[in-house]
Amino acid sequence: MREFIIYQDDDGAWVAEAKELPGVHMKGRTQQEALDKIQTAVKIYNPCRCGD
């Protein structure tokens, strides 16, 4: 199971961070967009664990 931290920054953008990959974060206009982007980033970073 992957854990993500999602919050809104000072500029109003939503930020998603992957706890398992320190320093990896993605921004989006909505919470869902940020979440979709970070999930894609994790899959690209570690493709052998996509089924987890």
C-alpha atoms as a PDB file:
ATOM      1  CA  MET A   1       0.000   0.000   0.000  1.00  0.00           C
ATOM      2  CA  ARG A   2       1.264   3.445  -0.859  1.00  0.00           C
ATOM      3  CA  GLU A   3       0.744   6.503   1.301  1.00  0.00           C
ATOM      4  CA  PHE A   4       0.451  10.004  -0.076  1.00  0.00           C
ATOM      5  CA  ILE A   5       0.313  13.358   1.642  1.00  0.00           C
ATOM      6  CA  ILE A   6      -1.937  15.886  -0.090  1.00  0.00           C
ATOM      7  CA  TYR A   7      -2.131  19.545   0.904  1.00  0.00           C
ATOM      8  CA  GLN A   8      -2.773  22.968  -0.554  1.00  0.00           C
ATOM      9  CA  ASP A   9       0.219  25.299  -0.814  1.00  0.00           C
ATOM     10  CA  ASP A  10       0.282  29.067  -0.248  1.00  0.00           C
ATOM     11  CA  ASP A  11      -0.456  29.719  -3.933  1.00  0.00           C
ATOM     12  CA  GLY A  12      -3.595  27.551  -3.865  1.00  0.00           C
ATOM     13  CA  ALA A  13      -2.113  24.643  -5.826  1.00  0.00           C
ATOM     14  CA  TRP A  14      -2.601  21.107  -4.509  1.00  0.00           C
ATOM     15  CA  VAL A  15       0.574  19.184  -3.729  1.00  0.00           C
ATOM     16  CA  ALA A  16       0.869  15.417  -3.420  1.00  0.00           C
ATOM     17  CA  GLU A  17       3.930  13.743  -1.928  1.00  0.00           C
ATOM     18  CA  ALA A  18       4.822  10.057  -1.901  1.00  0.00           C
ATOM     19  CA  LYS A  19       5.964   9.062   1.591  1.00  0.00           C
ATOM     20  CA  GLU A  20       8.085   6.221   0.182  1.00  0.00           C
ATOM     21  CA  LEU A  21      10.010   8.586  -2.119  1.00  0.00           C
ATOM     22  CA  PRO A  22      11.253  11.565  -0.120  1.00  0.00           C
ATOM     23  CA  GLY A  23      11.509  14.689  -2.236  1.00  0.00           C
ATOM     24  CA  VAL A  24       9.114  13.440  -4.919  1.00  0.00           C
ATOM     25  CA  HIS A  25       6.073  15.678  -5.173  1.00  0.00           C
ATOM     26  CA  MET A  26       3.617  16.778  -7.858  1.00  0.00           C
ATOM     27  CA  LYS A  27       1.295  19.773  -8.126  1.00  0.00           C
ATOM     28  CA  GLY A  28      -2.183  20.015  -9.561  1.00  0.00           C
ATOM     29  CA  ARG A  29      -5.094  22.446  -9.813  1.00  0.00           C
ATOM     30  CA  THR A  30      -7.262  19.973  -7.873  1.00  0.00           C
ATOM     31  CA  GLN A  31      -6.626  17.299  -5.276  1.00  0.00           C
ATOM     32  CA  GLN A  32      -7.464  14.605  -7.817  1.00  0.00           C
ATOM     33  CA  GLU A  33      -5.074  16.033 -10.419  1.00  0.00           C
ATOM     34  CA  ALA A  34      -2.224  16.088  -7.887  1.00  0.00           C
ATOM     35  CA  LEU A  35      -3.041  12.535  -6.801  1.00  0.00           C
ATOM     36  CA  ASP A  36      -3.181  11.263 -10.397  1.00  0.00           C
ATOM     37  CA  LYS A  37       0.181  12.865 -11.142  1.00  0.00           C
ATOM     38  CA  ILE A  38       1.943  11.434  -8.078  1.00  0.00           C
ATOM     39  CA  GLN A  39       0.569   7.950  -8.781  1.00  0.00           C
ATOM     40  CA  THR A  40       1.954   8.161 -12.320  1.00  0.00           C
ATOM     41  CA  ALA A  41       5.307   9.417 -11.012  1.00  0.00           C
ATOM     42  CA  VAL A  42       5.574   6.488  -8.579  1.00  0.00           C
ATOM     43  CA  LYS A  43       4.816   3.999 -11.361  1.00  0.00           C
ATOM     44  CA  ILE A  44       7.502   5.549 -13.570  1.00  0.00           C
ATOM     45  CA  TYR A  45      10.021   5.690 -10.728  1.00  0.00           C
ATOM     46  CA  ASN A  46       9.490   2.082  -9.693  1.00  0.00           C
ATOM     47  CA  PRO A  47       7.685   0.168 -12.491  1.00  0.00           C
ATOM     48  CA  CYS A  48       8.219  -3.291 -11.004  1.00  0.00           C
ATOM     49  CA  ARG A  49       5.907  -2.440  -8.066  1.00  0.00           C
ATOM     50  CA  CYS A  50       2.917  -1.220 -10.133  1.00  0.00           C
ATOM     51  CA  GLY A  51       0.725  -4.050  -8.952  1.00  0.00           C
ATOM     52  CA  ASP A  52       1.144  -3.196  -5.258  1.00  0.00           C
END
